[in-house]
Amino acid sequence: MLGKLDDLIKWADELKAYALDGALHQGKQWPGWKLVEGRSVRKYTDEDAVIAAANAAGYKDIFRKTLLPIGEMEKLMGKQTFAEVLGSCVHKPAGKPTLVPESDKRPALNNVKTDFNEFQED
């Protein structure tokens, strides 16, 4: 079986790519599966603004050799204070669409075919 493992993995990856492409570009719906927004990572929109806002709020230990990552900054300040002080400086982009079982708790993306056609050149 180990000798066939690479071929099986390649086949499975191609099958997943086919299903995702069909859902994204042809509007296909696979029984038991739905298209949802994948995981994304929060990012500072303007590090200089974060430094100024954190310093103005009295937070000085916000650097290593670089600015503290968002998760650690949130732990330092607490979620509510973080949202108040730096909320406008953080951007969370939409995650890459992905197919998941219907039992997944994330809401399904609606009208994906139309949404993605907006970005195609004519």
PDB file of N, CA and C in Angstrom:
ATOM      1  N   MET A   1       0.812  -1.203   0.000  1.00  0.00           N
ATOM      2  CA  MET A   1       0.000   0.000   0.000  1.00  0.00           C
ATOM      3  C   MET A   1       0.859   1.272   0.000  1.00  0.00           C
ATOM      4  N   LEU A   2       1.993   1.251   0.670  1.00  0.00           N
ATOM      5  CA  LEU A   2       2.820   2.455   0.723  1.00  0.00           C
ATOM      6  C   LEU A   2       3.262   2.885  -0.669  1.00  0.00           C
ATOM      7  N   GLY A   3       3.502   1.914  -1.561  1.00  0.00           N
ATOM      8  CA  GLY A   3       3.909   2.241  -2.913  1.00  0.00           C
ATOM      9  C   GLY A   3       2.838   2.951  -3.711  1.00  0.00           C
ATOM     10  N   LYS A   4       1.586   2.751  -3.351  1.00  0.00           N
ATOM     11  CA  LYS A   4       0.465   3.376  -4.063  1.00  0.00           C
ATOM     12  C   LYS A   4      -0.019   4.655  -3.383  1.00  0.00           C
ATOM     13  N   LEU A   5       0.543   4.944  -2.233  1.00  0.00           N
ATOM     14  CA  LEU A   5       0.069   6.074  -1.440  1.00  0.00           C
ATOM     15  C   LEU A   5       0.172   7.406  -2.174  1.00  0.00           C
ATOM     16  N   ASP A   6       1.287   7.666  -2.841  1.00  0.00           N
ATOM     17  CA  ASP A   6       1.447   8.939  -3.554  1.00  0.00           C
ATOM     18  C   ASP A   6       0.393   9.096  -4.649  1.00  0.00           C
ATOM     19  N   ASP A   7       0.109   8.002  -5.385  1.00  0.00           N
ATOM     20  CA  ASP A   7      -0.918   8.069  -6.427  1.00  0.00           C
ATOM     21  C   ASP A   7      -2.301   8.320  -5.825  1.00  0.00           C
ATOM     22  N   LEU A   8      -2.583   7.691  -4.689  1.00  0.00           N
ATOM     23  CA  LEU A   8      -3.878   7.890  -4.024  1.00  0.00           C
ATOM     24  C   LEU A   8      -4.030   9.334  -3.541  1.00  0.00           C
ATOM     25  N   ILE A   9      -2.964   9.885  -2.990  1.00  0.00           N
ATOM     26  CA  ILE A   9      -3.003  11.272  -2.515  1.00  0.00           C
ATOM     27  C   ILE A   9      -3.204  12.227  -3.682  1.00  0.00           C
ATOM     28  N   LYS A  10      -2.482  11.982  -4.791  1.00  0.00           N
ATOM     29  CA  LYS A  10      -2.638  12.822  -5.974  1.00  0.00           C
ATOM     30  C   LYS A  10      -4.065  12.749  -6.502  1.00  0.00           C
ATOM     31  N   TRP A  11      -4.628  11.550  -6.576  1.00  0.00           N
ATOM     32  CA  TRP A  11      -5.996  11.361  -7.048  1.00  0.00           C
ATOM     33  C   TRP A  11      -6.984  12.095  -6.139  1.00  0.00           C
ATOM     34  N   ALA A  12      -6.796  11.969  -4.827  1.00  0.00           N
ATOM     35  CA  ALA A  12      -7.696  12.628  -3.871  1.00  0.00           C
ATOM     36  C   ALA A  12      -7.604  14.147  -4.008  1.00  0.00           C
ATOM     37  N   ASP A  13      -6.400  14.673  -4.175  1.00  0.00           N
ATOM     38  CA  ASP A  13      -6.230  16.119  -4.355  1.00  0.00           C
ATOM     39  C   ASP A  13      -6.901  16.600  -5.637  1.00  0.00           C
ATOM     40  N   GLU A  14      -6.778  15.820  -6.720  1.00  0.00           N
ATOM     41  CA  GLU A  14      -7.430  16.186  -7.979  1.00  0.00           C
ATOM     42  C   GLU A  14      -8.946  16.144  -7.844  1.00  0.00           C
ATOM     43  N   LEU A  15      -9.458  15.165  -7.107  1.00  0.00           N
ATOM     44  CA  LEU A  15     -10.900  15.064  -6.882  1.00  0.00           C
ATOM     45  C   LEU A  15     -11.410  16.265  -6.081  1.00  0.00           C
ATOM     46  N   LYS A  16     -10.675  16.653  -5.039  1.00  0.00           N
ATOM     47  CA  LYS A  16     -11.064  17.823  -4.250  1.00  0.00           C
ATOM     48  C   LYS A  16     -11.021  19.089  -5.087  1.00  0.00           C
ATOM     49  N   ALA A  17      -9.991  19.227  -5.920  1.00  0.00           N
ATOM     50  CA  ALA A  17      -9.871  20.407  -6.782  1.00  0.00           C
ATOM     51  C   ALA A  17     -11.023  20.456  -7.780  1.00  0.00           C
ATOM     52  N   TYR A  18     -11.385  19.323  -8.346  1.00  0.00           N
ATOM     53  CA  TYR A  18     -12.504  19.250  -9.290  1.00  0.00           C
ATOM     54  C   TYR A  18     -13.808  19.671  -8.613  1.00  0.00           C
ATOM     55  N   ALA A  19     -14.052  19.142  -7.424  1.00  0.00           N
ATOM     56  CA  ALA A  19     -15.291  19.465  -6.703  1.00  0.00           C
ATOM     57  C   ALA A  19     -15.332  20.947  -6.327  1.00  0.00           C
ATOM     58  N   LEU A  20     -14.221  21.491  -5.851  1.00  0.00           N
ATOM     59  CA  LEU A  20     -14.169  22.908  -5.479  1.00  0.00           C
ATOM     60  C   LEU A  20     -14.351  23.784  -6.708  1.00  0.00           C
ATOM     61  N   ASP A  21     -13.680  23.458  -7.807  1.00  0.00           N
ATOM     62  CA  ASP A  21     -13.823  24.229  -9.036  1.00  0.00           C
ATOM     63  C   ASP A  21     -15.269  24.209  -9.530  1.00  0.00           C
ATOM     64  N   GLY A  22     -15.911  23.058  -9.478  1.00  0.00           N
ATOM     65  CA  GLY A  22     -17.306  22.965  -9.898  1.00  0.00           C
ATOM     66  C   GLY A  22     -18.217  23.813  -9.040  1.00  0.00           C
ATOM     67  N   ALA A  23     -17.970  23.809  -7.742  1.00  0.00           N
ATOM     68  CA  ALA A  23     -18.796  24.607  -6.832  1.00  0.00           C
ATOM     69  C   ALA A  23     -18.559  26.100  -7.029  1.00  0.00           C
ATOM     70  N   LEU A  24     -17.300  26.490  -7.247  1.00  0.00           N
ATOM     71  CA  LEU A  24     -16.969  27.907  -7.390  1.00  0.00           C
ATOM     72  C   LEU A  24     -17.387  28.488  -8.737  1.00  0.00           C
ATOM     73  N   HIS A  25     -17.115  27.760  -9.809  1.00  0.00           N
ATOM     74  CA  HIS A  25     -17.266  28.346 -11.140  1.00  0.00           C
ATOM     75  C   HIS A  25     -18.496  27.887 -11.909  1.00  0.00           C
ATOM     76  N   GLN A  26     -19.054  26.734 -11.582  1.00  0.00           N
ATOM     77  CA  GLN A  26     -20.254  26.275 -12.281  1.00  0.00           C
ATOM     78  C   GLN A  26     -21.478  26.249 -11.375  1.00  0.00           C
ATOM     79  N   GLY A  27     -21.321  26.637 -10.122  1.00  0.00           N
ATOM     80  CA  GLY A  27     -22.450  26.664  -9.194  1.00  0.00           C
ATOM     81  C   GLY A  27     -22.937  25.283  -8.798  1.00  0.00           C
ATOM     82  N   LYS A  28     -22.108  24.245  -8.962  1.00  0.00           N
ATOM     83  CA  LYS A  28     -22.518  22.886  -8.604  1.00  0.00           C
ATOM     84  C   LYS A  28     -22.680  22.766  -7.100  1.00  0.00           C
ATOM     85  N   GLN A  29     -23.642  21.950  -6.715  1.00  0.00           N
ATOM     86  CA  GLN A  29     -23.830  21.644  -5.298  1.00  0.00           C
ATOM     87  C   GLN A  29     -23.695  20.142  -5.142  1.00  0.00           C
ATOM     88  N   TRP A  30     -22.784  19.736  -4.279  1.00  0.00           N
ATOM     89  CA  TRP A  30     -22.523  18.325  -4.056  1.00  0.00           C
ATOM     90  C   TRP A  30     -23.340  17.866  -2.863  1.00  0.00           C
ATOM     91  N   PRO A  31     -24.117  16.784  -2.994  1.00  0.00           N
ATOM     92  CA  PRO A  31     -24.938  16.286  -1.875  1.00  0.00           C
ATOM     93  C   PRO A  31     -24.088  16.043  -0.634  1.00  0.00           C
ATOM     94  N   GLY A  32     -24.511  16.621   0.466  1.00  0.00           N
ATOM     95  CA  GLY A  32     -23.802  16.462   1.732  1.00  0.00           C
ATOM     96  C   GLY A  32     -22.654  17.427   1.936  1.00  0.00           C
ATOM     97  N   TRP A  33     -22.441  18.347   0.999  1.00  0.00           N
ATOM     98  CA  TRP A  33     -21.326  19.291   1.086  1.00  0.00           C
ATOM     99  C   TRP A  33     -21.824  20.704   0.810  1.00  0.00           C
ATOM    100  N   LYS A  34     -21.121  21.688   1.322  1.00  0.00           N
ATOM    101  CA  LYS A  34     -21.458  23.092   1.064  1.00  0.00           C
ATOM    102  C   LYS A  34     -20.179  23.897   0.952  1.00  0.00           C
ATOM    103  N   LEU A  35     -20.270  25.046   0.326  1.00  0.00           N
ATOM    104  CA  LEU A  35     -19.138  25.944   0.146  1.00  0.00           C
ATOM    105  C   LEU A  35     -19.177  26.980   1.260  1.00  0.00           C
ATOM    106  N   VAL A  36     -18.090  27.132   2.003  1.00  0.00           N
ATOM    107  CA  VAL A  36     -18.024  28.093   3.106  1.00  0.00           C
ATOM    108  C   VAL A  36     -16.743  28.903   2.989  1.00  0.00           C
ATOM    109  N   GLU A  37     -16.662  29.977   3.748  1.00  0.00           N
ATOM    110  CA  GLU A  37     -15.449  30.783   3.805  1.00  0.00           C
ATOM    111  C   GLU A  37     -14.440  30.069   4.681  1.00  0.00           C
ATOM    112  N   GLY A  38     -13.244  29.891   4.165  1.00  0.00           N
ATOM    113  CA  GLY A  38     -12.190  29.218   4.911  1.00  0.00           C
ATOM    114  C   GLY A  38     -11.571  30.118   5.974  1.00  0.00           C
ATOM    115  N   ARG A  39     -10.586  29.586   6.656  1.00  0.00           N
ATOM    116  CA  ARG A  39      -9.902  30.297   7.728  1.00  0.00           C
ATOM    117  C   ARG A  39      -9.082  31.448   7.144  1.00  0.00           C
ATOM    118  N   SER A  40      -9.048  32.553   7.849  1.00  0.00           N
ATOM    119  CA  SER A  40      -8.183  33.661   7.464  1.00  0.00           C
ATOM    120  C   SER A  40      -7.478  34.191   8.709  1.00  0.00           C
ATOM    121  N   VAL A  41      -6.468  34.993   8.506  1.00  0.00           N
ATOM    122  CA  VAL A  41      -5.642  35.497   9.598  1.00  0.00           C
ATOM    123  C   VAL A  41      -5.796  37.014   9.698  1.00  0.00           C
ATOM    124  N   ARG A  42      -6.011  37.507  10.919  1.00  0.00           N
ATOM    125  CA  ARG A  42      -6.117  38.953  11.119  1.00  0.00           C
ATOM    126  C   ARG A  42      -4.761  39.615  10.882  1.00  0.00           C
ATOM    127  N   LYS A  43      -4.795  40.830  10.345  1.00  0.00           N
ATOM    128  CA  LYS A  43      -3.564  41.578  10.077  1.00  0.00           C
ATOM    129  C   LYS A  43      -3.763  43.031  10.478  1.00  0.00           C
ATOM    130  N   TYR A  44      -2.681  43.665  10.931  1.00  0.00           N
ATOM    131  CA  TYR A  44      -2.728  45.096  11.199  1.00  0.00           C
ATOM    132  C   TYR A  44      -2.802  45.827   9.857  1.00  0.00           C
ATOM    133  N   THR A  45      -3.668  46.831   9.786  1.00  0.00           N
ATOM    134  CA  THR A  45      -3.784  47.597   8.545  1.00  0.00           C
ATOM    135  C   THR A  45      -2.706  48.674   8.471  1.00  0.00           C
ATOM    136  N   ASP A  46      -2.272  49.191   9.632  1.00  0.00           N
ATOM    137  CA  ASP A  46      -1.268  50.254   9.666  1.00  0.00           C
ATOM    138  C   ASP A  46      -0.492  50.128  10.975  1.00  0.00           C
ATOM    139  N   GLU A  47       0.725  49.584  10.919  1.00  0.00           N
ATOM    140  CA  GLU A  47       1.500  49.350  12.143  1.00  0.00           C
ATOM    141  C   GLU A  47       1.821  50.642  12.879  1.00  0.00           C
ATOM    142  N   ASP A  48       2.056  51.730  12.159  1.00  0.00           N
ATOM    143  CA  ASP A  48       2.330  53.009  12.828  1.00  0.00           C
ATOM    144  C   ASP A  48       1.125  53.467  13.637  1.00  0.00           C
ATOM    145  N   ALA A  49      -0.080  53.269  13.104  1.00  0.00           N
ATOM    146  CA  ALA A  49      -1.300  53.644  13.830  1.00  0.00           C
ATOM    147  C   ALA A  49      -1.477  52.756  15.061  1.00  0.00           C
ATOM    148  N   VAL A  50      -1.136  51.476  14.957  1.00  0.00           N
ATOM    149  CA  VAL A  50      -1.223  50.559  16.102  1.00  0.00           C
ATOM    150  C   VAL A  50      -0.280  51.007  17.195  1.00  0.00           C
ATOM    151  N   ILE A  51       0.948  51.345  16.825  1.00  0.00           N
ATOM    152  CA  ILE A  51       1.948  51.802  17.810  1.00  0.00           C
ATOM    153  C   ILE A  51       1.454  53.063  18.507  1.00  0.00           C
ATOM    154  N   ALA A  52       0.966  54.026  17.736  1.00  0.00           N
ATOM    155  CA  ALA A  52       0.487  55.280  18.318  1.00  0.00           C
ATOM    156  C   ALA A  52      -0.705  55.049  19.240  1.00  0.00           C
ATOM    157  N   ALA A  53      -1.666  54.232  18.808  1.00  0.00           N
ATOM    158  CA  ALA A  53      -2.864  53.992  19.618  1.00  0.00           C
ATOM    159  C   ALA A  53      -2.532  53.218  20.888  1.00  0.00           C
ATOM    160  N   ALA A  54      -1.680  52.201  20.793  1.00  0.00           N
ATOM    161  CA  ALA A  54      -1.300  51.422  21.968  1.00  0.00           C
ATOM    162  C   ALA A  54      -0.506  52.276  22.956  1.00  0.00           C
ATOM    163  N   ASN A  55       0.427  53.089  22.441  1.00  0.00           N
ATOM    164  CA  ASN A  55       1.203  53.975  23.324  1.00  0.00           C
ATOM    165  C   ASN A  55       0.301  55.007  23.992  1.00  0.00           C
ATOM    166  N   ALA A  56      -0.649  55.561  23.248  1.00  0.00           N
ATOM    167  CA  ALA A  56      -1.572  56.540  23.823  1.00  0.00           C
ATOM    168  C   ALA A  56      -2.439  55.922  24.913  1.00  0.00           C
ATOM    169  N   ALA A  57      -2.687  54.626  24.811  1.00  0.00           N
ATOM    170  CA  ALA A  57      -3.487  53.932  25.827  1.00  0.00           C
ATOM    171  C   ALA A  57      -2.617  53.441  26.988  1.00  0.00           C
ATOM    172  N   GLY A  58      -1.319  53.732  26.946  1.00  0.00           N
ATOM    173  CA  GLY A  58      -0.434  53.388  28.054  1.00  0.00           C
ATOM    174  C   GLY A  58       0.267  52.052  27.910  1.00  0.00           C
ATOM    175  N   TYR A  59       0.188  51.412  26.769  1.00  0.00           N
ATOM    176  CA  TYR A  59       0.863  50.133  26.547  1.00  0.00           C
ATOM    177  C   TYR A  59       2.210  50.393  25.889  1.00  0.00           C
ATOM    178  N   LYS A  60       3.281  50.014  26.591  1.00  0.00           N
ATOM    179  CA  LYS A  60       4.638  50.273  26.088  1.00  0.00           C
ATOM    180  C   LYS A  60       5.356  48.989  25.672  1.00  0.00           C
ATOM    181  N   ASP A  61       5.001  47.842  26.266  1.00  0.00           N
ATOM    182  CA  ASP A  61       5.675  46.577  25.986  1.00  0.00           C
ATOM    183  C   ASP A  61       5.016  45.863  24.812  1.00  0.00           C
ATOM    184  N   ILE A  62       5.001  46.526  23.673  1.00  0.00           N
ATOM    185  CA  ILE A  62       4.310  45.968  22.516  1.00  0.00           C
ATOM    186  C   ILE A  62       5.276  45.493  21.436  1.00  0.00           C
ATOM    187  N   PHE A  63       6.573  45.516  21.723  1.00  0.00           N
ATOM    188  CA  PHE A  63       7.572  45.117  20.727  1.00  0.00           C
ATOM    189  C   PHE A  63       8.375  43.922  21.202  1.00  0.00           C
ATOM    190  N   ARG A  64       8.766  43.111  20.274  1.00  0.00           N
ATOM    191  CA  ARG A  64       9.884  42.183  20.419  1.00  0.00           C
ATOM    192  C   ARG A  64      10.944  42.875  19.581  1.00  0.00           C
ATOM    193  N   LYS A  65      11.310  42.242  18.488  1.00  0.00           N
ATOM    194  CA  LYS A  65      12.066  42.971  17.488  1.00  0.00           C
ATOM    195  C   LYS A  65      11.080  43.542  16.480  1.00  0.00           C
ATOM    196  N   THR A  66       9.865  43.009  16.541  1.00  0.00           N
ATOM    197  CA  THR A  66       8.769  43.504  15.708  1.00  0.00           C
ATOM    198  C   THR A  66       7.571  43.729  16.626  1.00  0.00           C
ATOM    199  N   LEU A  67       6.534  44.288  16.074  1.00  0.00           N
ATOM    200  CA  LEU A  67       5.295  44.514  16.815  1.00  0.00           C
ATOM    201  C   LEU A  67       4.709  43.175  17.253  1.00  0.00           C
ATOM    202  N   LEU A  68       4.125  43.125  18.456  1.00  0.00           N
ATOM    203  CA  LEU A  68       3.512  41.886  18.935  1.00  0.00           C
ATOM    204  C   LEU A  68       2.444  41.416  17.953  1.00  0.00           C
ATOM    205  N   PRO A  69       2.335  40.098  17.747  1.00  0.00           N
ATOM    206  CA  PRO A  69       1.257  39.591  16.889  1.00  0.00           C
ATOM    207  C   PRO A  69      -0.112  39.923  17.495  1.00  0.00           C
ATOM    208  N   ILE A  70      -1.121  39.897  16.664  1.00  0.00           N
ATOM    209  CA  ILE A  70      -2.463  40.299  17.084  1.00  0.00           C
ATOM    210  C   ILE A  70      -2.950  39.499  18.289  1.00  0.00           C
ATOM    211  N   GLY A  71      -2.786  38.187  18.272  1.00  0.00           N
ATOM    212  CA  GLY A  71      -3.254  37.358  19.390  1.00  0.00           C
ATOM    213  C   GLY A  71      -2.610  37.733  20.709  1.00  0.00           C
ATOM    214  N   GLU A  72      -1.291  37.960  20.691  1.00  0.00           N
ATOM    215  CA  GLU A  72      -0.593  38.338  21.919  1.00  0.00           C
ATOM    216  C   GLU A  72      -0.962  39.750  22.371  1.00  0.00           C
ATOM    217  N   MET A  73      -1.156  40.660  21.407  1.00  0.00           N
ATOM    218  CA  MET A  73      -1.572  42.025  21.751  1.00  0.00           C
ATOM    219  C   MET A  73      -2.947  41.979  22.413  1.00  0.00           C
ATOM    220  N   GLU A  74      -3.818  41.119  21.900  1.00  0.00           N
ATOM    221  CA  GLU A  74      -5.167  40.981  22.460  1.00  0.00           C
ATOM    222  C   GLU A  74      -5.101  40.424  23.883  1.00  0.00           C
ATOM    223  N   LYS A  75      -4.193  39.466  24.134  1.00  0.00           N
ATOM    224  CA  LYS A  75      -4.022  38.923  25.485  1.00  0.00           C
ATOM    225  C   LYS A  75      -3.474  39.985  26.433  1.00  0.00           C
ATOM    226  N   LEU A  76      -2.542  40.807  25.942  1.00  0.00           N
ATOM    227  CA  LEU A  76      -1.950  41.863  26.753  1.00  0.00           C
ATOM    228  C   LEU A  76      -3.001  42.881  27.200  1.00  0.00           C
ATOM    229  N   MET A  77      -3.835  43.304  26.267  1.00  0.00           N
ATOM    230  CA  MET A  77      -4.815  44.362  26.544  1.00  0.00           C
ATOM    231  C   MET A  77      -6.147  43.834  27.059  1.00  0.00           C
ATOM    232  N   GLY A  78      -6.464  42.604  26.746  1.00  0.00           N
ATOM    233  CA  GLY A  78      -7.806  42.088  26.996  1.00  0.00           C
ATOM    234  C   GLY A  78      -8.643  42.339  25.745  1.00  0.00           C
ATOM    235  N   LYS A  79      -9.591  41.438  25.467  1.00  0.00           N
ATOM    236  CA  LYS A  79     -10.348  41.518  24.216  1.00  0.00           C
ATOM    237  C   LYS A  79     -11.099  42.829  24.055  1.00  0.00           C
ATOM    238  N   GLN A  80     -11.777  43.272  25.095  1.00  0.00           N
ATOM    239  CA  GLN A  80     -12.587  44.487  24.971  1.00  0.00           C
ATOM    240  C   GLN A  80     -11.717  45.721  24.741  1.00  0.00           C
ATOM    241  N   THR A  81     -10.645  45.875  25.514  1.00  0.00           N
ATOM    242  CA  THR A  81      -9.748  47.015  25.348  1.00  0.00           C
ATOM    243  C   THR A  81      -9.071  46.967  23.982  1.00  0.00           C
ATOM    244  N   PHE A  82      -8.658  45.762  23.572  1.00  0.00           N
ATOM    245  CA  PHE A  82      -8.050  45.609  22.256  1.00  0.00           C
ATOM    246  C   PHE A  82      -8.999  46.106  21.178  1.00  0.00           C
ATOM    247  N   ALA A  83     -10.257  45.702  21.260  1.00  0.00           N
ATOM    248  CA  ALA A  83     -11.246  46.119  20.260  1.00  0.00           C
ATOM    249  C   ALA A  83     -11.417  47.636  20.269  1.00  0.00           C
ATOM    250  N   GLU A  84     -11.430  48.236  21.457  1.00  0.00           N
ATOM    251  CA  GLU A  84     -11.611  49.686  21.561  1.00  0.00           C
ATOM    252  C   GLU A  84     -10.384  50.449  21.041  1.00  0.00           C
ATOM    253  N   VAL A  85      -9.195  50.011  21.439  1.00  0.00           N
ATOM    254  CA  VAL A  85      -7.968  50.741  21.128  1.00  0.00           C
ATOM    255  C   VAL A  85      -7.472  50.465  19.703  1.00  0.00           C
ATOM    256  N   LEU A  86      -7.511  49.212  19.291  1.00  0.00           N
ATOM    257  CA  LEU A  86      -6.898  48.834  18.012  1.00  0.00           C
ATOM    258  C   LEU A  86      -7.876  48.246  16.997  1.00  0.00           C
ATOM    259  N   GLY A  87      -9.135  48.183  17.329  1.00  0.00           N
ATOM    260  CA  GLY A  87     -10.114  47.565  16.432  1.00  0.00           C
ATOM    261  C   GLY A  87     -10.093  48.139  15.030  1.00  0.00           C
ATOM    262  N   SER A  88      -9.906  49.436  14.901  1.00  0.00           N
ATOM    263  CA  SER A  88      -9.903  50.063  13.575  1.00  0.00           C
ATOM    264  C   SER A  88      -8.597  49.814  12.817  1.00  0.00           C
ATOM    265  N   CYS A  89      -7.598  49.253  13.492  1.00  0.00           N
ATOM    266  CA  CYS A  89      -6.299  49.007  12.860  1.00  0.00           C
ATOM    267  C   CYS A  89      -6.125  47.543  12.447  1.00  0.00           C
ATOM    268  N   VAL A  90      -7.160  46.741  12.620  1.00  0.00           N
ATOM    269  CA  VAL A  90      -7.065  45.321  12.310  1.00  0.00           C
ATOM    270  C   VAL A  90      -8.037  44.996  11.189  1.00  0.00           C
ATOM    271  N   HIS A  91      -7.558  44.235  10.227  1.00  0.00           N
ATOM    272  CA  HIS A  91      -8.376  43.817   9.086  1.00  0.00           C
ATOM    273  C   HIS A  91      -8.344  42.303   9.012  1.00  0.00           C
ATOM    274  N   LYS A  92      -9.500  41.667   8.843  1.00  0.00           N
ATOM    275  CA  LYS A  92      -9.570  40.219   8.669  1.00  0.00           C
ATOM    276  C   LYS A  92     -10.154  39.955   7.298  1.00  0.00           C
ATOM    277  N   PRO A  93      -9.299  39.576   6.333  1.00  0.00           N
ATOM    278  CA  PRO A  93      -9.791  39.344   4.976  1.00  0.00           C
ATOM    279  C   PRO A  93     -10.666  38.100   4.918  1.00  0.00           C
ATOM    280  N   ALA A  94     -11.488  37.998   3.878  1.00  0.00           N
ATOM    281  CA  ALA A  94     -12.318  36.818   3.685  1.00  0.00           C
ATOM    282  C   ALA A  94     -11.430  35.612   3.444  1.00  0.00           C
ATOM    283  N   GLY A  95     -11.844  34.484   3.965  1.00  0.00           N
ATOM    284  CA  GLY A  95     -11.088  33.261   3.775  1.00  0.00           C
ATOM    285  C   GLY A  95     -11.342  32.652   2.403  1.00  0.00           C
ATOM    286  N   LYS A  96     -10.441  31.814   1.973  1.00  0.00           N
ATOM    287  CA  LYS A  96     -10.565  31.134   0.688  1.00  0.00           C
ATOM    288  C   LYS A  96     -11.739  30.165   0.767  1.00  0.00           C
ATOM    289  N   PRO A  97     -12.640  30.175  -0.207  1.00  0.00           N
ATOM    290  CA  PRO A  97     -13.776  29.246  -0.174  1.00  0.00           C
ATOM    291  C   PRO A  97     -13.302  27.797  -0.143  1.00  0.00           C
ATOM    292  N   THR A  98     -13.987  26.971   0.617  1.00  0.00           N
ATOM    293  CA  THR A  98     -13.626  25.565   0.737  1.00  0.00           C
ATOM    294  C   THR A  98     -14.888  24.726   0.902  1.00  0.00           C
ATOM    295  N   LEU A  99     -14.845  23.489   0.468  1.00  0.00           N
ATOM    296  CA  LEU A  99     -15.967  22.574   0.621  1.00  0.00           C
ATOM    297  C   LEU A  99     -15.827  21.829   1.936  1.00  0.00           C
ATOM    298  N   VAL A 100     -16.916  21.742   2.682  1.00  0.00           N
ATOM    299  CA  VAL A 100     -16.928  21.043   3.964  1.00  0.00           C
ATOM    300  C   VAL A 100     -18.219  20.236   4.073  1.00  0.00           C
ATOM    301  N   PRO A 101     -18.269  19.257   4.972  1.00  0.00           N
ATOM    302  CA  PRO A 101     -19.521  18.515   5.163  1.00  0.00           C
ATOM    303  C   PRO A 101     -20.645  19.441   5.639  1.00  0.00           C
ATOM    304  N   GLU A 102     -21.878  19.061   5.341  1.00  0.00           N
ATOM    305  CA  GLU A 102     -23.048  19.859   5.745  1.00  0.00           C
ATOM    306  C   GLU A 102     -23.082  20.093   7.249  1.00  0.00           C
ATOM    307  N   SER A 103     -22.501  19.174   8.032  1.00  0.00           N
ATOM    308  CA  SER A 103     -22.536  19.289   9.491  1.00  0.00           C
ATOM    309  C   SER A 103     -21.643  20.412  10.027  1.00  0.00           C
ATOM    310  N   ASP A 104     -20.793  21.000   9.189  1.00  0.00           N
ATOM    311  CA  ASP A 104     -19.916  22.095   9.610  1.00  0.00           C
ATOM    312  C   ASP A 104     -20.763  23.267  10.091  1.00  0.00           C
ATOM    313  N   LYS A 105     -20.327  23.922  11.186  1.00  0.00           N
ATOM    314  CA  LYS A 105     -21.132  24.986  11.794  1.00  0.00           C
ATOM    315  C   LYS A 105     -21.095  26.314  11.039  1.00  0.00           C
ATOM    316  N   ARG A 106     -20.149  26.493  10.106  1.00  0.00           N
ATOM    317  CA  ARG A 106     -20.058  27.758   9.372  1.00  0.00           C
ATOM    318  C   ARG A 106     -21.222  27.899   8.396  1.00  0.00           C
ATOM    319  N   PRO A 107     -21.681  29.141   8.186  1.00  0.00           N
ATOM    320  CA  PRO A 107     -22.776  29.343   7.234  1.00  0.00           C
ATOM    321  C   PRO A 107     -22.305  29.138   5.801  1.00  0.00           C
ATOM    322  N   ALA A 108     -23.195  28.636   4.964  1.00  0.00           N
ATOM    323  CA  ALA A 108     -22.870  28.419   3.555  1.00  0.00           C
ATOM    324  C   ALA A 108     -22.751  29.760   2.837  1.00  0.00           C
ATOM    325  N   LEU A 109     -21.858  29.826   1.863  1.00  0.00           N
ATOM    326  CA  LEU A 109     -21.744  31.013   1.028  1.00  0.00           C
ATOM    327  C   LEU A 109     -22.875  30.988   0.019  1.00  0.00           C
ATOM    328  N   ASN A 110     -23.492  32.112  -0.223  1.00  0.00           N
ATOM    329  CA  ASN A 110     -24.602  32.190  -1.163  1.00  0.00           C
ATOM    330  C   ASN A 110     -24.148  32.796  -2.472  1.00  0.00           C
ATOM    331  N   ASN A 111     -24.727  32.330  -3.573  1.00  0.00           N
ATOM    332  CA  ASN A 111     -24.543  32.916  -4.895  1.00  0.00           C
ATOM    333  C   ASN A 111     -23.073  33.056  -5.256  1.00  0.00           C
ATOM    334  N   VAL A 112     -22.290  32.027  -4.957  1.00  0.00           N
ATOM    335  CA  VAL A 112     -20.849  32.079  -5.171  1.00  0.00           C
ATOM    336  C   VAL A 112     -20.520  32.267  -6.645  1.00  0.00           C
ATOM    337  N   LYS A 113     -21.237  31.588  -7.543  1.00  0.00           N
ATOM    338  CA  LYS A 113     -20.938  31.686  -8.974  1.00  0.00           C
ATOM    339  C   LYS A 113     -21.019  33.138  -9.438  1.00  0.00           C
ATOM    340  N   THR A 114     -22.034  33.849  -9.022  1.00  0.00           N
ATOM    341  CA  THR A 114     -22.200  35.254  -9.392  1.00  0.00           C
ATOM    342  C   THR A 114     -21.098  36.100  -8.779  1.00  0.00           C
ATOM    343  N   ASP A 115     -20.790  35.878  -7.502  1.00  0.00           N
ATOM    344  CA  ASP A 115     -19.779  36.674  -6.822  1.00  0.00           C
ATOM    345  C   ASP A 115     -18.417  36.532  -7.493  1.00  0.00           C
ATOM    346  N   PHE A 116     -18.014  35.330  -7.875  1.00  0.00           N
ATOM    347  CA  PHE A 116     -16.700  35.129  -8.453  1.00  0.00           C
ATOM    348  C   PHE A 116     -16.651  35.564  -9.913  1.00  0.00           C
ATOM    349  N   ASN A 117     -17.784  35.611 -10.602  1.00  0.00           N
ATOM    350  CA  ASN A 117     -17.792  36.071 -11.974  1.00  0.00           C
ATOM    351  C   ASN A 117     -17.497  37.563 -12.067  1.00  0.00           C
ATOM    352  N   GLU A 118     -17.713  38.308 -10.996  1.00  0.00           N
ATOM    353  CA  GLU A 118     -17.430  39.740 -10.988  1.00  0.00           C
ATOM    354  C   GLU A 118     -15.956  40.015 -11.239  1.00  0.00           C
ATOM    355  N   PHE A 119     -15.079  39.090 -10.859  1.00  0.00           N
ATOM    356  CA  PHE A 119     -13.647  39.305 -10.940  1.00  0.00           C
ATOM    357  C   PHE A 119     -13.044  38.793 -12.235  1.00  0.00           C
ATOM    358  N   GLN A 120     -13.844  38.159 -13.077  1.00  0.00           N
ATOM    359  CA  GLN A 120     -13.332  37.649 -14.339  1.00  0.00           C
ATOM    360  C   GLN A 120     -13.352  38.746 -15.382  1.00  0.00           C
ATOM    361  N   GLU A 121     -12.294  38.761 -16.223  1.00  0.00           N
ATOM    362  CA  GLU A 121     -12.238  39.736 -17.296  1.00  0.00           C
ATOM    363  C   GLU A 121     -13.058  39.218 -18.461  1.00  0.00           C
ATOM    364  N   ASP A 122     -13.725  40.126 -19.187  1.00  0.00           N
ATOM    365  CA  ASP A 122     -14.509  39.727 -20.350  1.00  0.00           C
ATOM    366  C   ASP A 122     -13.658  39.642 -21.588  1.00  0.00           C
TER     367      ASP A 122
END
